[in-house]
PDB file of N, CA and C in Angstrom:
ATOM      1  N   GLN A   1     117.845 111.307 101.822  1.00  0.00           N
ATOM      2  CA  GLN A   1     116.984 109.486 101.665  1.00  0.00           C
ATOM      3  C   GLN A   1     115.472 110.410 101.575  1.00  0.00           C
ATOM      4  N   VAL A   2     115.322 109.540 100.397  1.00  0.00           N
ATOM      5  CA  VAL A   2     113.679 109.918  99.933  1.00  0.00           C
ATOM      6  C   VAL A   2     112.769 109.372 101.568  1.00  0.00           C
ATOM      7  N   GLN A   3     111.975 110.115 101.908  1.00  0.00           N
ATOM      8  CA  GLN A   3     110.507 110.144 102.201  1.00  0.00           C
ATOM      9  C   GLN A   3     109.553 110.672 102.249  1.00  0.00           C
ATOM     10  N   LEU A   4     108.098 109.503 102.483  1.00  0.00           N
ATOM     11  CA  LEU A   4     107.033 109.859 101.379  1.00  0.00           C
ATOM     12  C   LEU A   4     105.639 110.229 102.962  1.00  0.00           C
ATOM     13  N   VAL A   5     105.257 110.596 103.168  1.00  0.00           N
ATOM     14  CA  VAL A   5     104.584 111.189 103.646  1.00  0.00           C
ATOM     15  C   VAL A   5     102.951 111.676 104.242  1.00  0.00           C
ATOM     16  N   GLU A   6     101.762 110.863 104.453  1.00  0.00           N
ATOM     17  CA  GLU A   6     100.306 111.026 103.530  1.00  0.00           C
ATOM     18  C   GLU A   6     100.151 111.174 105.286  1.00  0.00           C
ATOM     19  N   SER A   7      98.378 112.328 104.450  1.00  0.00           N
ATOM     20  CA  SER A   7      97.580 112.660 105.349  1.00  0.00           C
ATOM     21  C   SER A   7      96.441 112.503 105.089  1.00  0.00           C
ATOM     22  N   GLY A   8      95.568 112.777 106.041  1.00  0.00           N
ATOM     23  CA  GLY A   8      94.237 112.800 105.316  1.00  0.00           C
ATOM     24  C   GLY A   8      93.302 112.034 105.823  1.00  0.00           C
ATOM     25  N   GLY A   9      93.745 111.373 106.086  1.00  0.00           N
ATOM     26  CA  GLY A   9      93.062 109.630 106.845  1.00  0.00           C
ATOM     27  C   GLY A   9      91.672 109.852 107.943  1.00  0.00           C
ATOM     28  N   GLY A  10      91.390 109.399 108.252  1.00  0.00           N
ATOM     29  CA  GLY A  10      90.436 109.314 109.269  1.00  0.00           C
ATOM     30  C   GLY A  10      89.262 108.690 109.152  1.00  0.00           C
ATOM     31  N   LEU A  11      88.006 108.705 110.107  1.00  0.00           N
ATOM     32  CA  LEU A  11      86.945 108.198 110.455  1.00  0.00           C
ATOM     33  C   LEU A  11      85.954 109.537 110.020  1.00  0.00           C
ATOM     34  N   VAL A  12      85.520 108.325 109.046  1.00  0.00           N
ATOM     35  CA  VAL A  12      83.853 108.817 108.205  1.00  0.00           C
ATOM     36  C   VAL A  12      82.490 108.055 108.339  1.00  0.00           C
ATOM     37  N   GLN A  13      81.242 108.584 108.137  1.00  0.00           N
ATOM     38  CA  GLN A  13      80.294 107.829 107.990  1.00  0.00           C
ATOM     39  C   GLN A  13      80.551 107.018 106.601  1.00  0.00           C
ATOM     40  N   ALA A  14      80.011 106.050 105.693  1.00  0.00           N
ATOM     41  CA  ALA A  14      79.214 105.709 104.930  1.00  0.00           C
ATOM     42  C   ALA A  14      78.645 106.691 103.916  1.00  0.00           C
ATOM     43  N   GLY A  15      79.375 106.914 103.053  1.00  0.00           N
ATOM     44  CA  GLY A  15      78.963 108.286 101.970  1.00  0.00           C
ATOM     45  C   GLY A  15      79.589 108.599 101.682  1.00  0.00           C
ATOM     46  N   GLY A  16      80.446 109.331 102.294  1.00  0.00           N
ATOM     47  CA  GLY A  16      81.292 110.963 102.851  1.00  0.00           C
ATOM     48  C   GLY A  16      82.275 111.272 102.614  1.00  0.00           C
ATOM     49  N   SER A  17      83.589 111.106 102.516  1.00  0.00           N
ATOM     50  CA  SER A  17      84.579 112.196 101.093  1.00  0.00           C
ATOM     51  C   SER A  17      85.728 111.836 102.026  1.00  0.00           C
ATOM     52  N   LEU A  18      86.385 111.235 101.700  1.00  0.00           N
ATOM     53  CA  LEU A  18      88.059 111.941 102.517  1.00  0.00           C
ATOM     54  C   LEU A  18      89.024 112.008 100.872  1.00  0.00           C
ATOM     55  N   ARG A  19      90.360 113.309 101.724  1.00  0.00           N
ATOM     56  CA  ARG A  19      90.787 113.477 100.028  1.00  0.00           C
ATOM     57  C   ARG A  19      92.311 113.315 101.282  1.00  0.00           C
ATOM     58  N   LEU A  20      92.909 111.961 100.008  1.00  0.00           N
ATOM     59  CA  LEU A  20      94.198 112.071 101.108  1.00  0.00           C
ATOM     60  C   LEU A  20      95.395 112.693 100.673  1.00  0.00           C
ATOM     61  N   SER A  21      96.527 113.280 101.511  1.00  0.00           N
ATOM     62  CA  SER A  21      97.795 113.580 100.431  1.00  0.00           C
ATOM     63  C   SER A  21      98.613 112.736 100.759  1.00  0.00           C
ATOM     64  N   CYS A  22      99.748 112.439 100.070  1.00  0.00           N
ATOM     65  CA  CYS A  22     100.958 112.231  99.993  1.00  0.00           C
ATOM     66  C   CYS A  22     102.197 113.610  99.024  1.00  0.00           C
ATOM     67  N   ALA A  23     102.928 113.405 100.452  1.00  0.00           N
ATOM     68  CA  ALA A  23     104.314 114.089  99.649  1.00  0.00           C
ATOM     69  C   ALA A  23     105.619 113.511  99.977  1.00  0.00           C
ATOM     70  N   ALA A  24     106.785 113.581  98.909  1.00  0.00           N
ATOM     71  CA  ALA A  24     107.806 113.125  98.586  1.00  0.00           C
ATOM     72  C   ALA A  24     108.543 114.513  99.536  1.00  0.00           C
ATOM     73  N   SER A  25     109.744 113.987 100.356  1.00  0.00           N
ATOM     74  CA  SER A  25     111.134 114.874 100.206  1.00  0.00           C
ATOM     75  C   SER A  25     112.324 114.114 100.407  1.00  0.00           C
ATOM     76  N   GLY A  26     112.852 114.554 100.303  1.00  0.00           N
ATOM     77  CA  GLY A  26     115.024 113.805  99.569  1.00  0.00           C
ATOM     78  C   GLY A  26     115.225 113.480  98.609  1.00  0.00           C
ATOM     79  N   SER A  27     114.208 113.907  97.506  1.00  0.00           N
ATOM     80  CA  SER A  27     114.845 113.448  96.216  1.00  0.00           C
ATOM     81  C   SER A  27     115.417 114.635  95.081  1.00  0.00           C
ATOM     82  N   ASN A  28     115.787 114.197  94.893  1.00  0.00           N
ATOM     83  CA  ASN A  28     116.050 114.954  93.777  1.00  0.00           C
ATOM     84  C   ASN A  28     115.835 114.646  92.215  1.00  0.00           C
ATOM     85  N   PHE A  29     114.757 113.531  92.180  1.00  0.00           N
ATOM     86  CA  PHE A  29     114.448 112.805  91.270  1.00  0.00           C
ATOM     87  C   PHE A  29     112.834 113.248  90.768  1.00  0.00           C
ATOM     88  N   ARG A  30     111.924 113.460  89.864  1.00  0.00           N
ATOM     89  CA  ARG A  30     110.494 113.116  89.864  1.00  0.00           C
ATOM     90  C   ARG A  30     110.474 111.785  89.703  1.00  0.00           C
ATOM     91  N   PHE A  31     109.329 111.310  90.034  1.00  0.00           N
ATOM     92  CA  PHE A  31     108.396 110.046  89.925  1.00  0.00           C
ATOM     93  C   PHE A  31     108.493 110.084  88.579  1.00  0.00           C
ATOM     94  N   ASN A  32     108.341 108.556  88.492  1.00  0.00           N
ATOM     95  CA  ASN A  32     107.698 108.081  86.724  1.00  0.00           C
ATOM     96  C   ASN A  32     106.644 108.064  87.019  1.00  0.00           C
ATOM     97  N   ALA A  33     106.151 107.479  87.823  1.00  0.00           N
ATOM     98  CA  ALA A  33     104.688 107.541  89.285  1.00  0.00           C
ATOM     99  C   ALA A  33     104.221 107.092  90.677  1.00  0.00           C
ATOM    100  N   MET A  34     103.461 107.825  90.669  1.00  0.00           N
ATOM    101  CA  MET A  34     102.938 107.602  91.929  1.00  0.00           C
ATOM    102  C   MET A  34     101.320 107.390  92.199  1.00  0.00           C
ATOM    103  N   GLY A  35     100.512 106.908  93.431  1.00  0.00           N
ATOM    104  CA  GLY A  35      99.479 105.825  93.347  1.00  0.00           C
ATOM    105  C   GLY A  35      99.828 105.665  94.757  1.00  0.00           C
ATOM    106  N   TRP A  36      98.685 105.189  95.250  1.00  0.00           N
ATOM    107  CA  TRP A  36      98.163 104.081  96.243  1.00  0.00           C
ATOM    108  C   TRP A  36      97.820 102.949  95.788  1.00  0.00           C
ATOM    109  N   TYR A  37      97.966 102.059  97.828  1.00  0.00           N
ATOM    110  CA  TYR A  37      97.801 100.940  97.315  1.00  0.00           C
ATOM    111  C   TYR A  37      97.039 100.829  98.975  1.00  0.00           C
ATOM    112  N   ARG A  38      96.309  99.979  99.669  1.00  0.00           N
ATOM    113  CA  ARG A  38      95.574 100.050 100.245  1.00  0.00           C
ATOM    114  C   ARG A  38      95.622  98.073 100.962  1.00  0.00           C
ATOM    115  N   GLN A  39      95.417  98.291 102.778  1.00  0.00           N
ATOM    116  CA  GLN A  39      95.417  97.176 102.826  1.00  0.00           C
ATOM    117  C   GLN A  39      94.362  97.082 103.982  1.00  0.00           C
ATOM    118  N   ALA A  40      93.456  95.964 103.853  1.00  0.00           N
ATOM    119  CA  ALA A  40      92.181  95.791 105.083  1.00  0.00           C
ATOM    120  C   ALA A  40      93.224  94.552 106.124  1.00  0.00           C
ATOM    121  N   PRO A  41      92.998  94.641 106.927  1.00  0.00           N
ATOM    122  CA  PRO A  41      92.959  93.345 107.823  1.00  0.00           C
ATOM    123  C   PRO A  41      92.617  91.986 107.791  1.00  0.00           C
ATOM    124  N   GLY A  42      94.152  91.437 107.184  1.00  0.00           N
ATOM    125  CA  GLY A  42      93.858  89.839 107.061  1.00  0.00           C
ATOM    126  C   GLY A  42      93.467  89.609 105.144  1.00  0.00           C
ATOM    127  N   LYS A  43      94.153  90.658 104.690  1.00  0.00           N
ATOM    128  CA  LYS A  43      93.451  90.466 103.386  1.00  0.00           C
ATOM    129  C   LYS A  43      95.142  91.677 102.377  1.00  0.00           C
ATOM    130  N   GLN A  44      95.306  91.163 101.681  1.00  0.00           N
ATOM    131  CA  GLN A  44      96.576  90.991 101.101  1.00  0.00           C
ATOM    132  C   GLN A  44      96.632  92.853 100.380  1.00  0.00           C
ATOM    133  N   ARG A  45      97.881  93.769 100.271  1.00  0.00           N
ATOM    134  CA  ARG A  45      97.780  95.488  99.533  1.00  0.00           C
ATOM    135  C   ARG A  45      97.244  95.026  98.479  1.00  0.00           C
ATOM    136  N   GLU A  46      96.511  95.767  97.966  1.00  0.00           N
ATOM    137  CA  GLU A  46      95.758  95.761  96.224  1.00  0.00           C
ATOM    138  C   GLU A  46      95.876  97.069  96.043  1.00  0.00           C
ATOM    139  N   LEU A  47      96.258  97.569  95.169  1.00  0.00           N
ATOM    140  CA  LEU A  47      96.460  98.874  94.354  1.00  0.00           C
ATOM    141  C   LEU A  47      95.500  99.470  94.435  1.00  0.00           C
ATOM    142  N   VAL A  48      94.812 100.936  94.334  1.00  0.00           N
ATOM    143  CA  VAL A  48      93.894 101.770  94.604  1.00  0.00           C
ATOM    144  C   VAL A  48      93.803 102.480  93.094  1.00  0.00           C
ATOM    145  N   ALA A  49      94.335 103.193  92.515  1.00  0.00           N
ATOM    146  CA  ALA A  49      94.492 103.636  92.077  1.00  0.00           C
ATOM    147  C   ALA A  49      96.640 103.766  91.307  1.00  0.00           C
ATOM    148  N   THR A  50      97.133 104.563  90.666  1.00  0.00           N
ATOM    149  CA  THR A  50      98.088 104.996  89.908  1.00  0.00           C
ATOM    150  C   THR A  50      98.257 106.469  88.831  1.00  0.00           C
ATOM    151  N   VAL A  51      99.352 107.014  88.807  1.00  0.00           N
ATOM    152  CA  VAL A  51      99.036 107.843  87.873  1.00  0.00           C
ATOM    153  C   VAL A  51      99.900 108.140  87.907  1.00  0.00           C
ATOM    154  N   SER A  52      99.918 108.297  86.176  1.00  0.00           N
ATOM    155  CA  SER A  52     101.811 108.089  85.661  1.00  0.00           C
ATOM    156  C   SER A  52     101.737 109.172  84.203  1.00  0.00           C
ATOM    157  N   SER A  53     102.082 108.861  82.948  1.00  0.00           N
ATOM    158  CA  SER A  53     101.038 109.870  81.723  1.00  0.00           C
ATOM    159  C   SER A  53      99.611 109.437  81.867  1.00  0.00           C
ATOM    160  N   SER A  54      99.434 108.995  82.296  1.00  0.00           N
ATOM    161  CA  SER A  54      97.624 108.047  82.039  1.00  0.00           C
ATOM    162  C   SER A  54      96.948 107.793  83.673  1.00  0.00           C
ATOM    163  N   THR A  55      96.351 107.553  84.219  1.00  0.00           N
ATOM    164  CA  THR A  55      95.724 107.159  85.607  1.00  0.00           C
ATOM    165  C   THR A  55      94.727 105.485  85.094  1.00  0.00           C
ATOM    166  N   ASP A  56      95.042 104.809  86.549  1.00  0.00           N
ATOM    167  CA  ASP A  56      93.979 103.526  86.588  1.00  0.00           C
ATOM    168  C   ASP A  56      93.401 103.347  87.393  1.00  0.00           C
ATOM    169  N   TYR A  57      92.340 103.098  87.612  1.00  0.00           N
ATOM    170  CA  TYR A  57      91.771 102.597  89.367  1.00  0.00           C
ATOM    171  C   TYR A  57      91.822 101.218  89.328  1.00  0.00           C
ATOM    172  N   ALA A  58      91.399 100.556  90.226  1.00  0.00           N
ATOM    173  CA  ALA A  58      91.096  99.629  90.348  1.00  0.00           C
ATOM    174  C   ALA A  58      89.620  99.229  90.223  1.00  0.00           C
ATOM    175  N   ASP A  59      88.818  97.910  89.956  1.00  0.00           N
ATOM    176  CA  ASP A  59      87.598  98.514  89.038  1.00  0.00           C
ATOM    177  C   ASP A  59      86.541  98.926  90.591  1.00  0.00           C
ATOM    178  N   SER A  60      87.234  98.314  92.187  1.00  0.00           N
ATOM    179  CA  SER A  60      86.055  98.957  92.998  1.00  0.00           C
ATOM    180  C   SER A  60      85.800 100.095  93.115  1.00  0.00           C
ATOM    181  N   VAL A  61      86.271 101.071  92.611  1.00  0.00           N
ATOM    182  CA  VAL A  61      86.691 102.218  92.871  1.00  0.00           C
ATOM    183  C   VAL A  61      86.803 103.538  92.153  1.00  0.00           C
ATOM    184  N   LYS A  62      86.134 103.074  90.850  1.00  0.00           N
ATOM    185  CA  LYS A  62      85.791 103.333  89.529  1.00  0.00           C
ATOM    186  C   LYS A  62      84.946 104.100  89.382  1.00  0.00           C
ATOM    187  N   GLY A  63      85.019 106.085  89.149  1.00  0.00           N
ATOM    188  CA  GLY A  63      83.534 106.347  89.069  1.00  0.00           C
ATOM    189  C   GLY A  63      83.765 106.994  91.358  1.00  0.00           C
ATOM    190  N   ARG A  64      83.923 106.329  91.611  1.00  0.00           N
ATOM    191  CA  ARG A  64      84.078 106.983  93.288  1.00  0.00           C
ATOM    192  C   ARG A  64      85.041 108.089  94.586  1.00  0.00           C
ATOM    193  N   PHE A  65      86.502 106.971  93.281  1.00  0.00           N
ATOM    194  CA  PHE A  65      88.134 107.909  93.661  1.00  0.00           C
ATOM    195  C   PHE A  65      88.748 108.278  92.654  1.00  0.00           C
ATOM    196  N   THR A  66      89.119 109.540  92.964  1.00  0.00           N
ATOM    197  CA  THR A  66      89.769 110.251  91.797  1.00  0.00           C
ATOM    198  C   THR A  66      91.316 110.340  92.049  1.00  0.00           C
ATOM    199  N   ILE A  67      92.885 110.534  91.277  1.00  0.00           N
ATOM    200  CA  ILE A  67      93.806 110.367  91.904  1.00  0.00           C
ATOM    201  C   ILE A  67      94.568 111.693  90.649  1.00  0.00           C
ATOM    202  N   SER A  68      95.070 112.278  91.899  1.00  0.00           N
ATOM    203  CA  SER A  68      95.791 113.745  91.082  1.00  0.00           C
ATOM    204  C   SER A  68      97.378 114.241  91.668  1.00  0.00           C
ATOM    205  N   ARG A  69      97.610 113.949  90.852  1.00  0.00           N
ATOM    206  CA  ARG A  69      99.327 114.410  91.324  1.00  0.00           C
ATOM    207  C   ARG A  69      99.996 115.431  90.378  1.00  0.00           C
ATOM    208  N   ASP A  70     101.215 116.516  91.802  1.00  0.00           N
ATOM    209  CA  ASP A  70     101.898 117.488  91.417  1.00  0.00           C
ATOM    210  C   ASP A  70     102.693 116.888  91.430  1.00  0.00           C
ATOM    211  N   SER A  71     103.286 117.022  89.390  1.00  0.00           N
ATOM    212  CA  SER A  71     105.183 116.071  89.458  1.00  0.00           C
ATOM    213  C   SER A  71     106.183 117.295  89.783  1.00  0.00           C
ATOM    214  N   LEU A  72     105.945 118.807  89.967  1.00  0.00           N
ATOM    215  CA  LEU A  72     107.425 119.059  90.520  1.00  0.00           C
ATOM    216  C   LEU A  72     107.025 119.256  91.599  1.00  0.00           C
ATOM    217  N   ARG A  73     105.995 118.563  92.263  1.00  0.00           N
ATOM    218  CA  ARG A  73     106.648 119.026  93.939  1.00  0.00           C
ATOM    219  C   ARG A  73     106.680 117.591  94.239  1.00  0.00           C
ATOM    220  N   ASN A  74     106.564 116.080  92.949  1.00  0.00           N
ATOM    221  CA  ASN A  74     106.200 114.877  93.745  1.00  0.00           C
ATOM    222  C   ASN A  74     105.224 114.635  94.986  1.00  0.00           C
ATOM    223  N   THR A  75     103.813 115.380  94.471  1.00  0.00           N
ATOM    224  CA  THR A  75     103.210 115.060  95.480  1.00  0.00           C
ATOM    225  C   THR A  75     101.885 113.756  94.751  1.00  0.00           C
ATOM    226  N   VAL A  76     100.919 113.251  95.654  1.00  0.00           N
ATOM    227  CA  VAL A  76      99.716 112.825  94.727  1.00  0.00           C
ATOM    228  C   VAL A  76      98.140 112.976  96.037  1.00  0.00           C
ATOM    229  N   TYR A  77      97.176 113.197  95.548  1.00  0.00           N
ATOM    230  CA  TYR A  77      96.407 113.228  95.974  1.00  0.00           C
ATOM    231  C   TYR A  77      95.236 112.023  96.018  1.00  0.00           C
ATOM    232  N   LEU A  78      94.997 111.151  96.607  1.00  0.00           N
ATOM    233  CA  LEU A  78      93.414 110.627  95.826  1.00  0.00           C
ATOM    234  C   LEU A  78      92.567 111.025  97.135  1.00  0.00           C
ATOM    235  N   GLN A  79      90.855 111.545  96.169  1.00  0.00           N
ATOM    236  CA  GLN A  79      89.759 111.823  96.222  1.00  0.00           C
ATOM    237  C   GLN A  79      88.946 110.602  96.764  1.00  0.00           C
ATOM    238  N   MET A  80      88.972 110.610  97.221  1.00  0.00           N
ATOM    239  CA  MET A  80      87.532 108.836  97.796  1.00  0.00           C
ATOM    240  C   MET A  80      86.059 110.175  98.297  1.00  0.00           C
ATOM    241  N   ASN A  81      85.342 109.583  97.708  1.00  0.00           N
ATOM    242  CA  ASN A  81      83.372 109.964  97.580  1.00  0.00           C
ATOM    243  C   ASN A  81      83.126 108.950  97.566  1.00  0.00           C
ATOM    244  N   SER A  82      82.105 109.055  98.241  1.00  0.00           N
ATOM    245  CA  SER A  82      80.857 107.540  98.330  1.00  0.00           C
ATOM    246  C   SER A  82      81.370 106.621  98.912  1.00  0.00           C
ATOM    247  N   LEU A  83      82.196 107.172 100.319  1.00  0.00           N
ATOM    248  CA  LEU A  83      82.928 106.002 100.674  1.00  0.00           C
ATOM    249  C   LEU A  83      82.032 104.636 101.311  1.00  0.00           C
ATOM    250  N   LYS A  84      82.458 103.508 101.380  1.00  0.00           N
ATOM    251  CA  LYS A  84      82.059 102.413 102.014  1.00  0.00           C
ATOM    252  C   LYS A  84      82.273 101.489 103.058  1.00  0.00           C
ATOM    253  N   PRO A  85      81.914 101.043 103.732  1.00  0.00           N
ATOM    254  CA  PRO A  85      82.712 100.066 104.807  1.00  0.00           C
ATOM    255  C   PRO A  85      83.533  99.440 104.280  1.00  0.00           C
ATOM    256  N   GLU A  86      83.967  98.998 103.004  1.00  0.00           N
ATOM    257  CA  GLU A  86      84.478  98.227 102.699  1.00  0.00           C
ATOM    258  C   GLU A  86      85.395  98.727 102.048  1.00  0.00           C
ATOM    259  N   ASP A  87      85.806 100.042 102.545  1.00  0.00           N
ATOM    260  CA  ASP A  87      86.903 100.727 101.356  1.00  0.00           C
ATOM    261  C   ASP A  87      87.814 101.086 102.904  1.00  0.00           C
ATOM    262  N   THR A  88      86.934 100.406 104.415  1.00  0.00           N
ATOM    263  CA  THR A  88      88.362 100.568 105.459  1.00  0.00           C
ATOM    264  C   THR A  88      89.699  99.859 104.795  1.00  0.00           C
ATOM    265  N   ALA A  89      90.410 100.523 105.386  1.00  0.00           N
ATOM    266  CA  ALA A  89      92.688 100.340 105.283  1.00  0.00           C
ATOM    267  C   ALA A  89      93.099 100.849 105.952  1.00  0.00           C
ATOM    268  N   VAL A  90      94.462 100.728 105.458  1.00  0.00           N
ATOM    269  CA  VAL A  90      95.562 101.088 105.725  1.00  0.00           C
ATOM    270  C   VAL A  90      95.488 101.820 104.225  1.00  0.00           C
ATOM    271  N   TYR A  91      96.003 102.825 103.989  1.00  0.00           N
ATOM    272  CA  TYR A  91      96.066 103.670 102.727  1.00  0.00           C
ATOM    273  C   TYR A  91      97.632 104.121 102.656  1.00  0.00           C
ATOM    274  N   TYR A  92      98.396 103.007 101.620  1.00  0.00           N
ATOM    275  CA  TYR A  92      99.754 103.714 101.548  1.00  0.00           C
ATOM    276  C   TYR A  92     100.301 104.291 100.231  1.00  0.00           C
ATOM    277  N   CYS A  93     100.635 105.582 100.053  1.00  0.00           N
ATOM    278  CA  CYS A  93     101.032 105.772  98.724  1.00  0.00           C
ATOM    279  C   CYS A  93     102.819 105.331  98.462  1.00  0.00           C
ATOM    280  N   TYR A  94     102.563 105.735  97.186  1.00  0.00           N
ATOM    281  CA  TYR A  94     104.039 104.531  96.910  1.00  0.00           C
ATOM    282  C   TYR A  94     104.092 106.012  95.695  1.00  0.00           C
ATOM    283  N   GLY A  95     105.913 106.704  95.066  1.00  0.00           N
ATOM    284  CA  GLY A  95     106.373 106.395  93.885  1.00  0.00           C
ATOM    285  C   GLY A  95     107.022 105.956  93.282  1.00  0.00           C
ATOM    286  N   ARG A  96     107.267 105.375  91.992  1.00  0.00           N
ATOM    287  CA  ARG A  96     108.725 104.538  91.567  1.00  0.00           C
ATOM    288  C   ARG A  96     109.688 105.750  90.932  1.00  0.00           C
ATOM    289  N   TYR A  97     110.054 104.754  90.905  1.00  0.00           N
ATOM    290  CA  TYR A  97     111.098 106.073  89.596  1.00  0.00           C
ATOM    291  C   TYR A  97     112.009 104.756  89.213  1.00  0.00           C
ATOM    292  N   LEU A  98     112.762 104.801  88.130  1.00  0.00           N
ATOM    293  CA  LEU A  98     112.886 103.561  87.457  1.00  0.00           C
ATOM    294  C   LEU A  98     112.230 101.985  87.908  1.00  0.00           C
ATOM    295  N   ILE A  99     113.043 101.409  88.575  1.00  0.00           N
ATOM    296  CA  ILE A  99     112.400 100.315  88.694  1.00  0.00           C
ATOM    297  C   ILE A  99     112.237 100.178  90.095  1.00  0.00           C
ATOM    298  N   ARG A 100     112.325 101.400  91.179  1.00  0.00           N
ATOM    299  CA  ARG A 100     112.565 101.255  92.592  1.00  0.00           C
ATOM    300  C   ARG A 100     111.416 101.779  93.088  1.00  0.00           C
ATOM    301  N   ASN A 101     110.439 100.987  94.033  1.00  0.00           N
ATOM    302  CA  ASN A 101     109.030 102.198  94.748  1.00  0.00           C
ATOM    303  C   ASN A 101     109.456 102.575  95.677  1.00  0.00           C
ATOM    304  N   TYR A 102     109.005 103.164  96.233  1.00  0.00           N
ATOM    305  CA  TYR A 102     109.311 104.429  97.690  1.00  0.00           C
ATOM    306  C   TYR A 102     107.710 104.196  98.272  1.00  0.00           C
ATOM    307  N   TRP A 103     108.402 103.733  99.699  1.00  0.00           N
ATOM    308  CA  TRP A 103     106.414 103.731 100.058  1.00  0.00           C
ATOM    309  C   TRP A 103     106.335 105.059 101.230  1.00  0.00           C
ATOM    310  N   GLY A 104     105.145 105.352 101.526  1.00  0.00           N
ATOM    311  CA  GLY A 104     104.510 106.050 102.676  1.00  0.00           C
ATOM    312  C   GLY A 104     104.796 104.310 104.058  1.00  0.00           C
ATOM    313  N   GLN A 105     104.203 105.446 105.325  1.00  0.00           N
ATOM    314  CA  GLN A 105     103.896 104.452 106.457  1.00  0.00           C
ATOM    315  C   GLN A 105     102.346 103.944 106.683  1.00  0.00           C
ATOM    316  N   GLY A 106     101.657 105.307 105.353  1.00  0.00           N
ATOM    317  CA  GLY A 106     100.087 104.430 105.374  1.00  0.00           C
ATOM    318  C   GLY A 106      99.227 105.691 106.736  1.00  0.00           C
ATOM    319  N   THR A 107      98.351 105.375 105.914  1.00  0.00           N
ATOM    320  CA  THR A 107      97.812 106.289 106.797  1.00  0.00           C
ATOM    321  C   THR A 107      96.116 105.391 106.992  1.00  0.00           C
ATOM    322  N   GLN A 108      95.518 105.798 108.072  1.00  0.00           N
ATOM    323  CA  GLN A 108      94.389 104.430 107.955  1.00  0.00           C
ATOM    324  C   GLN A 108      92.697 105.220 107.864  1.00  0.00           C
ATOM    325  N   VAL A 109      92.390 104.578 107.166  1.00  0.00           N
ATOM    326  CA  VAL A 109      90.788 105.188 106.440  1.00  0.00           C
ATOM    327  C   VAL A 109      89.823 103.945 106.958  1.00  0.00           C
ATOM    328  N   THR A 110      88.870 104.571 108.120  1.00  0.00           N
ATOM    329  CA  THR A 110      87.769 103.726 109.012  1.00  0.00           C
ATOM    330  C   THR A 110      86.428 104.529 108.004  1.00  0.00           C
ATOM    331  N   VAL A 111      85.415 103.622 107.708  1.00  0.00           N
ATOM    332  CA  VAL A 111      84.479 104.153 107.144  1.00  0.00           C
ATOM    333  C   VAL A 111      83.003 103.034 107.572  1.00  0.00           C
ATOM    334  N   SER A 112      82.362 103.455 108.291  1.00  0.00           N
ATOM    335  CA  SER A 112      81.196 103.268 109.251  1.00  0.00           C
ATOM    336  C   SER A 112      79.805 103.226 108.378  1.00  0.00           C
ATOM    337  N   SER A 113      79.432 102.088 109.262  1.00  0.00           N
ATOM    338  CA  SER A 113      78.483 102.335 108.066  1.00  0.00           C
ATOM    339  C   SER A 113      77.078 102.619 109.220  1.00  0.00           C
TER     340      SER A 113
END
């Protein structure tokens, strides 16, 4: 059974940094793409960043967040700098293999003003 486990969330002051990690286990394949979504209270889940053969970012995080990946280990990272209160959300990692997405359980990121 494929599992993705996030870590690295927490509480940080505005302007601070956090690094999220997501490691997959139980797979005998390499994900075609990995990335991060987030969901704030009362809002829809939104794409934050994704990495495959290239990287893509939501406009709201460009220049502040950096996604990276260890393909051999099916691990993805999200370095978040210059955090803002509006970045507060549950962050979910995903891995896509063929047409299926696998999801982690999420990690809370809270940015205080």
